[in-house]
Amino acid sequence: MLAVLAFLARPAAADDVVTIALPQALRPGETAFVQVTVGVIVRGQEVEVTTADGRPIGTVSPFGIRSGGEAGTYTMPVPADEIRDGRLSLRLLITQSNGPPRPPTVDEVKGVTLSVVGTRP
């Protein structure tokens, strides 16, 4: 059997950290995946996804998106040891060639979803 649990989160304006709570601890055979829904970003920009303490989770690097088009949804596995006390805290940054990385706007990152997928006994 396949179980999928999804929760939508948006970055907190104050510290640009997204915290998503799981309904229960991961069970044996289950894996957590983060899905980042990216809106319109400028060609060459990427969305870096790390844990709140800086461990890399993945990078969204859209390619072949028409100018002005939304980039879509990208899925990345989350190491189980990054889920602490039933929560996952992530930091998202937009990298850009003409300046330092910065937090995304709500138009650039439309949402972050955490899914738990696996088999149940």
PDB file of N, CA and C in Angstrom:
ATOM      1  N   MET A   1       0.846  -1.182   0.000  1.00  0.00           N
ATOM      2  CA  MET A   1       0.000   0.000   0.000  1.00  0.00           C
ATOM      3  C   MET A   1       0.889   1.241   0.000  1.00  0.00           C
ATOM      4  N   LEU A   2       0.435   2.246  -0.672  1.00  0.00           N
ATOM      5  CA  LEU A   2       1.181   3.496  -0.784  1.00  0.00           C
ATOM      6  C   LEU A   2       0.482   4.556   0.050  1.00  0.00           C
ATOM      7  N   ALA A   3       1.226   5.239   0.901  1.00  0.00           N
ATOM      8  CA  ALA A   3       0.644   6.302   1.724  1.00  0.00           C
ATOM      9  C   ALA A   3       1.269   7.628   1.330  1.00  0.00           C
ATOM     10  N   VAL A   4       0.449   8.614   1.094  1.00  0.00           N
ATOM     11  CA  VAL A   4       0.947   9.941   0.759  1.00  0.00           C
ATOM     12  C   VAL A   4       0.270  10.952   1.668  1.00  0.00           C
ATOM     13  N   LEU A   5       1.066  11.730   2.362  1.00  0.00           N
ATOM     14  CA  LEU A   5       0.557  12.789   3.222  1.00  0.00           C
ATOM     15  C   LEU A   5       1.224  14.071   2.774  1.00  0.00           C
ATOM     16  N   ALA A   6       0.465  15.093   2.496  1.00  0.00           N
ATOM     17  CA  ALA A   6       1.050  16.333   1.979  1.00  0.00           C
ATOM     18  C   ALA A   6       0.631  17.519   2.832  1.00  0.00           C
ATOM     19  N   PHE A   7       1.560  18.429   3.035  1.00  0.00           N
ATOM     20  CA  PHE A   7       1.304  19.630   3.810  1.00  0.00           C
ATOM     21  C   PHE A   7       1.942  20.806   3.093  1.00  0.00           C
ATOM     22  N   LEU A   8       1.203  21.890   2.954  1.00  0.00           N
ATOM     23  CA  LEU A   8       1.684  23.072   2.247  1.00  0.00           C
ATOM     24  C   LEU A   8       2.212  24.085   3.249  1.00  0.00           C
ATOM     25  N   ALA A   9       3.346  24.661   2.924  1.00  0.00           N
ATOM     26  CA  ALA A   9       3.930  25.692   3.788  1.00  0.00           C
ATOM     27  C   ALA A   9       4.447  26.822   2.926  1.00  0.00           C
ATOM     28  N   ARG A  10       4.531  27.977   3.521  1.00  0.00           N
ATOM     29  CA  ARG A  10       5.130  29.148   2.865  1.00  0.00           C
ATOM     30  C   ARG A  10       6.212  29.682   3.777  1.00  0.00           C
ATOM     31  N   PRO A  11       7.240  30.294   3.195  1.00  0.00           N
ATOM     32  CA  PRO A  11       8.310  30.840   4.033  1.00  0.00           C
ATOM     33  C   PRO A  11       7.791  31.897   4.997  1.00  0.00           C
ATOM     34  N   ALA A  12       8.318  31.868   6.203  1.00  0.00           N
ATOM     35  CA  ALA A  12       7.997  32.910   7.176  1.00  0.00           C
ATOM     36  C   ALA A  12       8.789  34.151   6.800  1.00  0.00           C
ATOM     37  N   ALA A  13       8.141  35.276   6.736  1.00  0.00           N
ATOM     38  CA  ALA A  13       8.791  36.509   6.280  1.00  0.00           C
ATOM     39  C   ALA A  13       9.965  36.911   7.171  1.00  0.00           C
ATOM     40  N   ALA A  14       9.872  36.627   8.461  1.00  0.00           N
ATOM     41  CA  ALA A  14      10.882  37.112   9.396  1.00  0.00           C
ATOM     42  C   ALA A  14      12.243  36.444   9.219  1.00  0.00           C
ATOM     43  N   ASP A  15      12.275  35.130   9.000  1.00  0.00           N
ATOM     44  CA  ASP A  15      13.574  34.457   8.972  1.00  0.00           C
ATOM     45  C   ASP A  15      13.773  33.562   7.755  1.00  0.00           C
ATOM     46  N   ASP A  16      12.904  33.630   6.777  1.00  0.00           N
ATOM     47  CA  ASP A  16      12.956  32.834   5.555  1.00  0.00           C
ATOM     48  C   ASP A  16      13.182  31.337   5.777  1.00  0.00           C
ATOM     49  N   VAL A  17      12.719  30.795   6.883  1.00  0.00           N
ATOM     50  CA  VAL A  17      12.767  29.361   7.136  1.00  0.00           C
ATOM     51  C   VAL A  17      11.349  28.815   7.048  1.00  0.00           C
ATOM     52  N   VAL A  18      11.209  27.721   6.300  1.00  0.00           N
ATOM     53  CA  VAL A  18       9.930  27.031   6.172  1.00  0.00           C
ATOM     54  C   VAL A  18       9.967  25.850   7.128  1.00  0.00           C
ATOM     55  N   THR A  19       8.981  25.733   8.011  1.00  0.00           N
ATOM     56  CA  THR A  19       8.895  24.585   8.910  1.00  0.00           C
ATOM     57  C   THR A  19       7.598  23.848   8.628  1.00  0.00           C
ATOM     58  N   ILE A  20       7.740  22.555   8.365  1.00  0.00           N
ATOM     59  CA  ILE A  20       6.593  21.718   8.029  1.00  0.00           C
ATOM     60  C   ILE A  20       6.507  20.609   9.069  1.00  0.00           C
ATOM     61  N   ALA A  21       5.317  20.394   9.618  1.00  0.00           N
ATOM     62  CA  ALA A  21       5.115  19.358  10.628  1.00  0.00           C
ATOM     63  C   ALA A  21       4.547  18.095   9.984  1.00  0.00           C
ATOM     64  N   LEU A  22       5.051  16.954  10.425  1.00  0.00           N
ATOM     65  CA  LEU A  22       4.504  15.668  10.005  1.00  0.00           C
ATOM     66  C   LEU A  22       3.396  15.264  10.969  1.00  0.00           C
ATOM     67  N   PRO A  23       2.392  14.537  10.512  1.00  0.00           N
ATOM     68  CA  PRO A  23       1.328  14.104  11.415  1.00  0.00           C
ATOM     69  C   PRO A  23       1.780  13.006  12.375  1.00  0.00           C
ATOM     70  N   GLN A  24       2.823  12.252  11.976  1.00  0.00           N
ATOM     71  CA  GLN A  24       3.394  11.218  12.839  1.00  0.00           C
ATOM     72  C   GLN A  24       4.831  10.989  12.402  1.00  0.00           C
ATOM     73  N   ALA A  25       5.577  10.295  13.233  1.00  0.00           N
ATOM     74  CA  ALA A  25       6.970   9.989  12.896  1.00  0.00           C
ATOM     75  C   ALA A  25       7.015   9.077  11.676  1.00  0.00           C
ATOM     76  N   LEU A  26       8.113   9.169  10.924  1.00  0.00           N
ATOM     77  CA  LEU A  26       8.288   8.263   9.791  1.00  0.00           C
ATOM     78  C   LEU A  26       8.332   6.832  10.300  1.00  0.00           C
ATOM     79  N   ARG A  27       7.628   5.962   9.606  1.00  0.00           N
ATOM     80  CA  ARG A  27       7.623   4.537   9.951  1.00  0.00           C
ATOM     81  C   ARG A  27       8.646   3.815   9.078  1.00  0.00           C
ATOM     82  N   PRO A  28       9.024   2.613   9.469  1.00  0.00           N
ATOM     83  CA  PRO A  28       9.943   1.844   8.626  1.00  0.00           C
ATOM     84  C   PRO A  28       9.374   1.717   7.209  1.00  0.00           C
ATOM     85  N   GLY A  29      10.231   1.924   6.231  1.00  0.00           N
ATOM     86  CA  GLY A  29       9.810   1.828   4.835  1.00  0.00           C
ATOM     87  C   GLY A  29       9.248   3.108   4.252  1.00  0.00           C
ATOM     88  N   GLU A  30       9.094   4.153   5.066  1.00  0.00           N
ATOM     89  CA  GLU A  30       8.572   5.424   4.567  1.00  0.00           C
ATOM     90  C   GLU A  30       9.721   6.395   4.292  1.00  0.00           C
ATOM     91  N   THR A  31       9.521   7.238   3.298  1.00  0.00           N
ATOM     92  CA  THR A  31      10.493   8.262   2.921  1.00  0.00           C
ATOM     93  C   THR A  31       9.768   9.585   2.773  1.00  0.00           C
ATOM     94  N   ALA A  32      10.406  10.645   3.208  1.00  0.00           N
ATOM     95  CA  ALA A  32       9.836  11.987   3.049  1.00  0.00           C
ATOM     96  C   ALA A  32      10.424  12.630   1.794  1.00  0.00           C
ATOM     97  N   PHE A  33       9.562  13.350   1.075  1.00  0.00           N
ATOM     98  CA  PHE A  33       9.967  14.105  -0.109  1.00  0.00           C
ATOM     99  C   PHE A  33       9.442  15.519   0.028  1.00  0.00           C
ATOM    100  N   VAL A  34      10.260  16.496  -0.333  1.00  0.00           N
ATOM    101  CA  VAL A  34       9.807  17.881  -0.356  1.00  0.00           C
ATOM    102  C   VAL A  34       9.552  18.239  -1.813  1.00  0.00           C
ATOM    103  N   GLN A  35       8.423  18.904  -2.050  1.00  0.00           N
ATOM    104  CA  GLN A  35       8.076  19.381  -3.383  1.00  0.00           C
ATOM    105  C   GLN A  35       8.039  20.900  -3.332  1.00  0.00           C
ATOM    106  N   VAL A  36       8.800  21.524  -4.216  1.00  0.00           N
ATOM    107  CA  VAL A  36       8.884  22.978  -4.279  1.00  0.00           C
ATOM    108  C   VAL A  36       8.183  23.425  -5.555  1.00  0.00           C
ATOM    109  N   THR A  37       7.132  24.228  -5.400  1.00  0.00           N
ATOM    110  CA  THR A  37       6.408  24.762  -6.549  1.00  0.00           C
ATOM    111  C   THR A  37       6.958  26.146  -6.846  1.00  0.00           C
ATOM    112  N   VAL A  38       7.557  26.255  -8.028  1.00  0.00           N
ATOM    113  CA  VAL A  38       8.250  27.481  -8.425  1.00  0.00           C
ATOM    114  C   VAL A  38       7.419  28.211  -9.468  1.00  0.00           C
ATOM    115  N   GLY A  39       7.232  29.493  -9.238  1.00  0.00           N
ATOM    116  CA  GLY A  39       6.515  30.341 -10.189  1.00  0.00           C
ATOM    117  C   GLY A  39       7.472  30.866 -11.240  1.00  0.00           C
ATOM    118  N   VAL A  40       7.317  32.113 -11.589  1.00  0.00           N
ATOM    119  CA  VAL A  40       8.162  32.742 -12.601  1.00  0.00           C
ATOM    120  C   VAL A  40       9.466  33.212 -11.960  1.00  0.00           C
ATOM    121  N   ILE A  41      10.578  32.720 -12.490  1.00  0.00           N
ATOM    122  CA  ILE A  41      11.886  33.223 -12.082  1.00  0.00           C
ATOM    123  C   ILE A  41      12.658  33.590 -13.349  1.00  0.00           C
ATOM    124  N   VAL A  42      13.659  34.423 -13.173  1.00  0.00           N
ATOM    125  CA  VAL A  42      14.447  34.924 -14.296  1.00  0.00           C
ATOM    126  C   VAL A  42      15.400  33.837 -14.788  1.00  0.00           C
ATOM    127  N   ARG A  43      15.624  33.804 -16.085  1.00  0.00           N
ATOM    128  CA  ARG A  43      16.561  32.842 -16.665  1.00  0.00           C
ATOM    129  C   ARG A  43      17.896  32.921 -15.924  1.00  0.00           C
ATOM    130  N   GLY A  44      18.430  31.761 -15.560  1.00  0.00           N
ATOM    131  CA  GLY A  44      19.698  31.698 -14.837  1.00  0.00           C
ATOM    132  C   GLY A  44      19.554  31.661 -13.328  1.00  0.00           C
ATOM    133  N   GLN A  45      18.377  32.000 -12.811  1.00  0.00           N
ATOM    134  CA  GLN A  45      18.170  31.914 -11.365  1.00  0.00           C
ATOM    135  C   GLN A  45      17.883  30.465 -10.991  1.00  0.00           C
ATOM    136  N   GLU A  46      18.256  30.116  -9.775  1.00  0.00           N
ATOM    137  CA  GLU A  46      17.981  28.795  -9.228  1.00  0.00           C
ATOM    138  C   GLU A  46      17.409  28.965  -7.830  1.00  0.00           C
ATOM    139  N   VAL A  47      16.733  27.928  -7.358  1.00  0.00           N
ATOM    140  CA  VAL A  47      16.234  27.912  -5.987  1.00  0.00           C
ATOM    141  C   VAL A  47      17.031  26.850  -5.235  1.00  0.00           C
ATOM    142  N   GLU A  48      17.841  27.291  -4.282  1.00  0.00           N
ATOM    143  CA  GLU A  48      18.602  26.369  -3.446  1.00  0.00           C
ATOM    144  C   GLU A  48      17.747  25.992  -2.249  1.00  0.00           C
ATOM    145  N   VAL A  49      17.683  24.692  -1.961  1.00  0.00           N
ATOM    146  CA  VAL A  49      16.917  24.184  -0.830  1.00  0.00           C
ATOM    147  C   VAL A  49      17.899  23.512   0.120  1.00  0.00           C
ATOM    148  N   THR A  50      17.973  24.041   1.343  1.00  0.00           N
ATOM    149  CA  THR A  50      18.836  23.465   2.371  1.00  0.00           C
ATOM    150  C   THR A  50      18.023  23.314   3.650  1.00  0.00           C
ATOM    151  N   THR A  51      18.581  22.569   4.587  1.00  0.00           N
ATOM    152  CA  THR A  51      17.974  22.546   5.908  1.00  0.00           C
ATOM    153  C   THR A  51      18.244  23.904   6.551  1.00  0.00           C
ATOM    154  N   ALA A  52      17.579  24.173   7.643  1.00  0.00           N
ATOM    155  CA  ALA A  52      17.766  25.458   8.324  1.00  0.00           C
ATOM    156  C   ALA A  52      19.216  25.662   8.743  1.00  0.00           C
ATOM    157  N   ASP A  53      19.935  24.543   9.011  1.00  0.00           N
ATOM    158  CA  ASP A  53      21.338  24.667   9.412  1.00  0.00           C
ATOM    159  C   ASP A  53      22.315  24.525   8.241  1.00  0.00           C
ATOM    160  N   GLY A  54      21.802  24.502   6.999  1.00  0.00           N
ATOM    161  CA  GLY A  54      22.673  24.574   5.832  1.00  0.00           C
ATOM    162  C   GLY A  54      22.963  23.291   5.081  1.00  0.00           C
ATOM    163  N   ARG A  55      22.424  22.153   5.506  1.00  0.00           N
ATOM    164  CA  ARG A  55      22.658  20.897   4.779  1.00  0.00           C
ATOM    165  C   ARG A  55      21.902  20.934   3.446  1.00  0.00           C
ATOM    166  N   PRO A  56      22.594  20.725   2.327  1.00  0.00           N
ATOM    167  CA  PRO A  56      21.916  20.778   1.028  1.00  0.00           C
ATOM    168  C   PRO A  56      20.884  19.663   0.865  1.00  0.00           C
ATOM    169  N   ILE A  57      19.706  20.039   0.369  1.00  0.00           N
ATOM    170  CA  ILE A  57      18.663  19.074   0.024  1.00  0.00           C
ATOM    171  C   ILE A  57      18.594  18.945  -1.497  1.00  0.00           C
ATOM    172  N   GLY A  58      18.676  20.076  -2.195  1.00  0.00           N
ATOM    173  CA  GLY A  58      18.652  20.051  -3.653  1.00  0.00           C
ATOM    174  C   GLY A  58      18.587  21.452  -4.221  1.00  0.00           C
ATOM    175  N   THR A  59      18.654  21.527  -5.538  1.00  0.00           N
ATOM    176  CA  THR A  59      18.587  22.806  -6.242  1.00  0.00           C
ATOM    177  C   THR A  59      17.597  22.698  -7.382  1.00  0.00           C
ATOM    178  N   VAL A  60      16.699  23.654  -7.475  1.00  0.00           N
ATOM    179  CA  VAL A  60      15.769  23.746  -8.597  1.00  0.00           C
ATOM    180  C   VAL A  60      16.442  24.629  -9.637  1.00  0.00           C
ATOM    181  N   SER A  61      16.702  24.042 -10.804  1.00  0.00           N
ATOM    182  CA  SER A  61      17.381  24.758 -11.880  1.00  0.00           C
ATOM    183  C   SER A  61      16.570  24.582 -13.164  1.00  0.00           C
ATOM    184  N   PRO A  62      15.511  25.377 -13.325  1.00  0.00           N
ATOM    185  CA  PRO A  62      14.638  25.208 -14.489  1.00  0.00           C
ATOM    186  C   PRO A  62      15.397  25.409 -15.804  1.00  0.00           C
ATOM    187  N   PHE A  63      15.052  24.599 -16.779  1.00  0.00           N
ATOM    188  CA  PHE A  63      15.670  24.703 -18.093  1.00  0.00           C
ATOM    189  C   PHE A  63      14.578  24.571 -19.146  1.00  0.00           C
ATOM    190  N   GLY A  64      14.621  25.425 -20.131  1.00  0.00           N
ATOM    191  CA  GLY A  64      13.668  25.323 -21.231  1.00  0.00           C
ATOM    192  C   GLY A  64      12.297  25.893 -20.929  1.00  0.00           C
ATOM    193  N   ILE A  65      12.178  26.681 -19.872  1.00  0.00           N
ATOM    194  CA  ILE A  65      10.905  27.312 -19.532  1.00  0.00           C
ATOM    195  C   ILE A  65      10.768  28.575 -20.381  1.00  0.00           C
ATOM    196  N   ARG A  66       9.605  28.759 -20.980  1.00  0.00           N
ATOM    197  CA  ARG A  66       9.380  29.982 -21.760  1.00  0.00           C
ATOM    198  C   ARG A  66       9.452  31.201 -20.852  1.00  0.00           C
ATOM    199  N   SER A  67       9.968  32.284 -21.378  1.00  0.00           N
ATOM    200  CA  SER A  67      10.061  33.524 -20.623  1.00  0.00           C
ATOM    201  C   SER A  67       8.686  33.909 -20.094  1.00  0.00           C
ATOM    202  N   GLY A  68       8.610  34.165 -18.791  1.00  0.00           N
ATOM    203  CA  GLY A  68       7.352  34.531 -18.156  1.00  0.00           C
ATOM    204  C   GLY A  68       6.513  33.348 -17.719  1.00  0.00           C
ATOM    205  N   GLY A  69       6.963  32.131 -18.018  1.00  0.00           N
ATOM    206  CA  GLY A  69       6.213  30.933 -17.628  1.00  0.00           C
ATOM    207  C   GLY A  69       6.628  30.439 -16.254  1.00  0.00           C
ATOM    208  N   GLU A  70       5.694  29.781 -15.572  1.00  0.00           N
ATOM    209  CA  GLU A  70       6.011  29.204 -14.264  1.00  0.00           C
ATOM    210  C   GLU A  70       6.911  27.991 -14.454  1.00  0.00           C
ATOM    211  N   ALA A  71       7.823  27.803 -13.522  1.00  0.00           N
ATOM    212  CA  ALA A  71       8.827  26.753 -13.652  1.00  0.00           C
ATOM    213  C   ALA A  71       8.305  25.367 -13.294  1.00  0.00           C
ATOM    214  N   GLY A  72       7.263  25.271 -12.461  1.00  0.00           N
ATOM    215  CA  GLY A  72       6.685  23.970 -12.134  1.00  0.00           C
ATOM    216  C   GLY A  72       7.026  23.492 -10.738  1.00  0.00           C
ATOM    217  N   THR A  73       6.810  22.197 -10.516  1.00  0.00           N
ATOM    218  CA  THR A  73       7.017  21.586  -9.206  1.00  0.00           C
ATOM    219  C   THR A  73       8.168  20.593  -9.293  1.00  0.00           C
ATOM    220  N   TYR A  74       9.054  20.660  -8.318  1.00  0.00           N
ATOM    221  CA  TYR A  74      10.255  19.830  -8.286  1.00  0.00           C
ATOM    222  C   TYR A  74      10.283  19.058  -6.975  1.00  0.00           C
ATOM    223  N   THR A  75      10.616  17.763  -7.050  1.00  0.00           N
ATOM    224  CA  THR A  75      10.583  16.873  -5.896  1.00  0.00           C
ATOM    225  C   THR A  75      11.994  16.445  -5.513  1.00  0.00           C
ATOM    226  N   MET A  76      12.271  16.464  -4.199  1.00  0.00           N
ATOM    227  CA  MET A  76      13.589  16.084  -3.679  1.00  0.00           C
ATOM    228  C   MET A  76      13.411  15.204  -2.448  1.00  0.00           C
ATOM    229  N   PRO A  77      14.197  14.128  -2.327  1.00  0.00           N
ATOM    230  CA  PRO A  77      14.118  13.312  -1.115  1.00  0.00           C
ATOM    231  C   PRO A  77      14.718  14.057   0.077  1.00  0.00           C
ATOM    232  N   VAL A  78      14.184  13.765   1.237  1.00  0.00           N
ATOM    233  CA  VAL A  78      14.658  14.394   2.474  1.00  0.00           C
ATOM    234  C   VAL A  78      15.281  13.314   3.352  1.00  0.00           C
ATOM    235  N   PRO A  79      16.523  13.496   3.797  1.00  0.00           N
ATOM    236  CA  PRO A  79      17.117  12.529   4.716  1.00  0.00           C
ATOM    237  C   PRO A  79      16.281  12.439   6.001  1.00  0.00           C
ATOM    238  N   ALA A  80      15.997  11.218   6.426  1.00  0.00           N
ATOM    239  CA  ALA A  80      15.148  11.005   7.607  1.00  0.00           C
ATOM    240  C   ALA A  80      15.710  11.686   8.847  1.00  0.00           C
ATOM    241  N   ASP A  81      17.046  11.775   8.949  1.00  0.00           N
ATOM    242  CA  ASP A  81      17.632  12.385  10.148  1.00  0.00           C
ATOM    243  C   ASP A  81      17.456  13.898  10.199  1.00  0.00           C
ATOM    244  N   GLU A  82      16.929  14.499   9.132  1.00  0.00           N
ATOM    245  CA  GLU A  82      16.658  15.944   9.143  1.00  0.00           C
ATOM    246  C   GLU A  82      15.266  16.263   9.693  1.00  0.00           C
ATOM    247  N   ILE A  83      14.466  15.240   9.909  1.00  0.00           N
ATOM    248  CA  ILE A  83      13.145  15.440  10.512  1.00  0.00           C
ATOM    249  C   ILE A  83      13.320  15.269  12.012  1.00  0.00           C
ATOM    250  N   ARG A  84      13.127  16.369  12.720  1.00  0.00           N
ATOM    251  CA  ARG A  84      13.360  16.372  14.166  1.00  0.00           C
ATOM    252  C   ARG A  84      12.086  16.760  14.897  1.00  0.00           C
ATOM    253  N   ASP A  85      11.742  15.960  15.893  1.00  0.00           N
ATOM    254  CA  ASP A  85      10.523  16.208  16.664  1.00  0.00           C
ATOM    255  C   ASP A  85       9.316  16.352  15.747  1.00  0.00           C
ATOM    256  N   GLY A  86       9.296  15.555  14.682  1.00  0.00           N
ATOM    257  CA  GLY A  86       8.158  15.568  13.762  1.00  0.00           C
ATOM    258  C   GLY A  86       8.099  16.776  12.849  1.00  0.00           C
ATOM    259  N   ARG A  87       9.189  17.525  12.756  1.00  0.00           N
ATOM    260  CA  ARG A  87       9.210  18.741  11.926  1.00  0.00           C
ATOM    261  C   ARG A  87      10.436  18.748  11.008  1.00  0.00           C
ATOM    262  N   LEU A  88      10.247  19.403   9.868  1.00  0.00           N
ATOM    263  CA  LEU A  88      11.335  19.627   8.926  1.00  0.00           C
ATOM    264  C   LEU A  88      11.443  21.123   8.696  1.00  0.00           C
ATOM    265  N   SER A  89      12.631  21.675   8.924  1.00  0.00           N
ATOM    266  CA  SER A  89      12.857  23.108   8.701  1.00  0.00           C
ATOM    267  C   SER A  89      13.796  23.282   7.516  1.00  0.00           C
ATOM    268  N   LEU A  90      13.356  24.089   6.552  1.00  0.00           N
ATOM    269  CA  LEU A  90      14.111  24.318   5.321  1.00  0.00           C
ATOM    270  C   LEU A  90      14.351  25.799   5.103  1.00  0.00           C
ATOM    271  N   ARG A  91      15.422  26.096   4.403  1.00  0.00           N
ATOM    272  CA  ARG A  91      15.698  27.466   3.963  1.00  0.00           C
ATOM    273  C   ARG A  91      15.773  27.422   2.442  1.00  0.00           C
ATOM    274  N   LEU A  92      15.072  28.352   1.797  1.00  0.00           N
ATOM    275  CA  LEU A  92      15.087  28.462   0.348  1.00  0.00           C
ATOM    276  C   LEU A  92      15.714  29.792  -0.031  1.00  0.00           C
ATOM    277  N   LEU A  93      16.607  29.750  -1.011  1.00  0.00           N
ATOM    278  CA  LEU A  93      17.272  30.962  -1.480  1.00  0.00           C
ATOM    279  C   LEU A  93      17.263  30.992  -2.999  1.00  0.00           C
ATOM    280  N   ILE A  94      17.063  32.177  -3.550  1.00  0.00           N
ATOM    281  CA  ILE A  94      17.191  32.399  -4.991  1.00  0.00           C
ATOM    282  C   ILE A  94      18.638  32.809  -5.247  1.00  0.00           C
ATOM    283  N   THR A  95      19.327  32.056  -6.108  1.00  0.00           N
ATOM    284  CA  THR A  95      20.673  32.464  -6.502  1.00  0.00           C
ATOM    285  C   THR A  95      20.553  33.268  -7.787  1.00  0.00           C
ATOM    286  N   GLN A  96      21.390  34.258  -7.909  1.00  0.00           N
ATOM    287  CA  GLN A  96      21.326  35.144  -9.068  1.00  0.00           C
ATOM    288  C   GLN A  96      22.732  35.594  -9.423  1.00  0.00           C
ATOM    289  N   SER A  97      22.975  35.771 -10.714  1.00  0.00           N
ATOM    290  CA  SER A  97      24.321  36.126 -11.158  1.00  0.00           C
ATOM    291  C   SER A  97      24.695  37.564 -10.818  1.00  0.00           C
ATOM    292  N   ASN A  98      23.705  38.423 -10.637  1.00  0.00           N
ATOM    293  CA  ASN A  98      24.005  39.843 -10.418  1.00  0.00           C
ATOM    294  C   ASN A  98      23.909  40.275  -8.958  1.00  0.00           C
ATOM    295  N   GLY A  99      23.953  39.332  -8.042  1.00  0.00           N
ATOM    296  CA  GLY A  99      23.876  39.708  -6.639  1.00  0.00           C
ATOM    297  C   GLY A  99      23.949  38.495  -5.734  1.00  0.00           C
ATOM    298  N   PRO A 100      23.941  38.734  -4.432  1.00  0.00           N
ATOM    299  CA  PRO A 100      24.013  37.626  -3.475  1.00  0.00           C
ATOM    300  C   PRO A 100      22.690  36.853  -3.435  1.00  0.00           C
ATOM    301  N   PRO A 101      22.729  35.609  -2.939  1.00  0.00           N
ATOM    302  CA  PRO A 101      21.482  34.854  -2.778  1.00  0.00           C
ATOM    303  C   PRO A 101      20.523  35.614  -1.869  1.00  0.00           C
ATOM    304  N   ARG A 102      19.222  35.418  -2.121  1.00  0.00           N
ATOM    305  CA  ARG A 102      18.201  36.104  -1.334  1.00  0.00           C
ATOM    306  C   ARG A 102      17.000  35.182  -1.173  1.00  0.00           C
ATOM    307  N   PRO A 103      16.162  35.444  -0.174  1.00  0.00           N
ATOM    308  CA  PRO A 103      14.939  34.657  -0.023  1.00  0.00           C
ATOM    309  C   PRO A 103      14.016  34.881  -1.223  1.00  0.00           C
ATOM    310  N   PRO A 104      13.272  33.857  -1.626  1.00  0.00           N
ATOM    311  CA  PRO A 104      12.341  34.023  -2.738  1.00  0.00           C
ATOM    312  C   PRO A 104      11.111  34.819  -2.326  1.00  0.00           C
ATOM    313  N   THR A 105      10.480  35.440  -3.307  1.00  0.00           N
ATOM    314  CA  THR A 105       9.191  36.088  -3.064  1.00  0.00           C
ATOM    315  C   THR A 105       8.102  35.022  -3.137  1.00  0.00           C
ATOM    316  N   VAL A 106       6.885  35.365  -2.725  1.00  0.00           N
ATOM    317  CA  VAL A 106       5.771  34.413  -2.800  1.00  0.00           C
ATOM    318  C   VAL A 106       5.385  34.128  -4.247  1.00  0.00           C
ATOM    319  N   ASP A 107       5.768  34.992  -5.180  1.00  0.00           N
ATOM    320  CA  ASP A 107       5.515  34.725  -6.595  1.00  0.00           C
ATOM    321  C   ASP A 107       6.567  33.792  -7.188  1.00  0.00           C
ATOM    322  N   GLU A 108       7.772  33.798  -6.628  1.00  0.00           N
ATOM    323  CA  GLU A 108       8.842  32.933  -7.128  1.00  0.00           C
ATOM    324  C   GLU A 108       8.712  31.510  -6.590  1.00  0.00           C
ATOM    325  N   VAL A 109       8.444  31.370  -5.305  1.00  0.00           N
ATOM    326  CA  VAL A 109       8.174  30.055  -4.720  1.00  0.00           C
ATOM    327  C   VAL A 109       6.752  30.099  -4.204  1.00  0.00           C
ATOM    328  N   LYS A 110       5.883  29.382  -4.885  1.00  0.00           N
ATOM    329  CA  LYS A 110       4.448  29.415  -4.588  1.00  0.00           C
ATOM    330  C   LYS A 110       4.086  28.545  -3.392  1.00  0.00           C
ATOM    331  N   GLY A 111       4.913  27.557  -3.095  1.00  0.00           N
ATOM    332  CA  GLY A 111       4.623  26.704  -1.959  1.00  0.00           C
ATOM    333  C   GLY A 111       5.638  25.591  -1.813  1.00  0.00           C
ATOM    334  N   VAL A 112       5.651  25.004  -0.636  1.00  0.00           N
ATOM    335  CA  VAL A 112       6.518  23.877  -0.325  1.00  0.00           C
ATOM    336  C   VAL A 112       5.632  22.807   0.292  1.00  0.00           C
ATOM    337  N   THR A 113       5.698  21.610  -0.267  1.00  0.00           N
ATOM    338  CA  THR A 113       4.862  20.514   0.194  1.00  0.00           C
ATOM    339  C   THR A 113       5.751  19.382   0.675  1.00  0.00           C
ATOM    340  N   LEU A 114       5.384  18.769   1.775  1.00  0.00           N
ATOM    341  CA  LEU A 114       6.103  17.607   2.283  1.00  0.00           C
ATOM    342  C   LEU A 114       5.207  16.393   2.120  1.00  0.00           C
ATOM    343  N   SER A 115       5.712  15.387   1.440  1.00  0.00           N
ATOM    344  CA  SER A 115       4.963  14.148   1.241  1.00  0.00           C
ATOM    345  C   SER A 115       5.695  13.012   1.926  1.00  0.00           C
ATOM    346  N   VAL A 116       4.944  12.106   2.497  1.00  0.00           N
ATOM    347  CA  VAL A 116       5.503  10.900   3.082  1.00  0.00           C
ATOM    348  C   VAL A 116       4.992   9.740   2.244  1.00  0.00           C
ATOM    349  N   VAL A 117       5.921   8.990   1.688  1.00  0.00           N
ATOM    350  CA  VAL A 117       5.563   7.899   0.792  1.00  0.00           C
ATOM    351  C   VAL A 117       6.206   6.625   1.306  1.00  0.00           C
ATOM    352  N   GLY A 118       5.475   5.543   1.248  1.00  0.00           N
ATOM    353  CA  GLY A 118       6.037   4.268   1.659  1.00  0.00           C
ATOM    354  C   GLY A 118       4.977   3.207   1.759  1.00  0.00           C
ATOM    355  N   THR A 119       5.399   2.058   2.209  1.00  0.00           N
ATOM    356  CA  THR A 119       4.480   0.935   2.344  1.00  0.00           C
ATOM    357  C   THR A 119       4.060   0.793   3.792  1.00  0.00           C
ATOM    358  N   ARG A 120       2.833   0.399   3.964  1.00  0.00           N
ATOM    359  CA  ARG A 120       2.331   0.117   5.316  1.00  0.00           C
ATOM    360  C   ARG A 120       2.162  -1.384   5.458  1.00  0.00           C
ATOM    361  N   PRO A 121       2.489  -1.899   6.623  1.00  0.00           N
ATOM    362  CA  PRO A 121       2.365  -3.358   6.833  1.00  0.00           C
ATOM    363  C   PRO A 121       0.927  -3.813   6.768  1.00  0.00           C
TER     364      PRO A 121
END
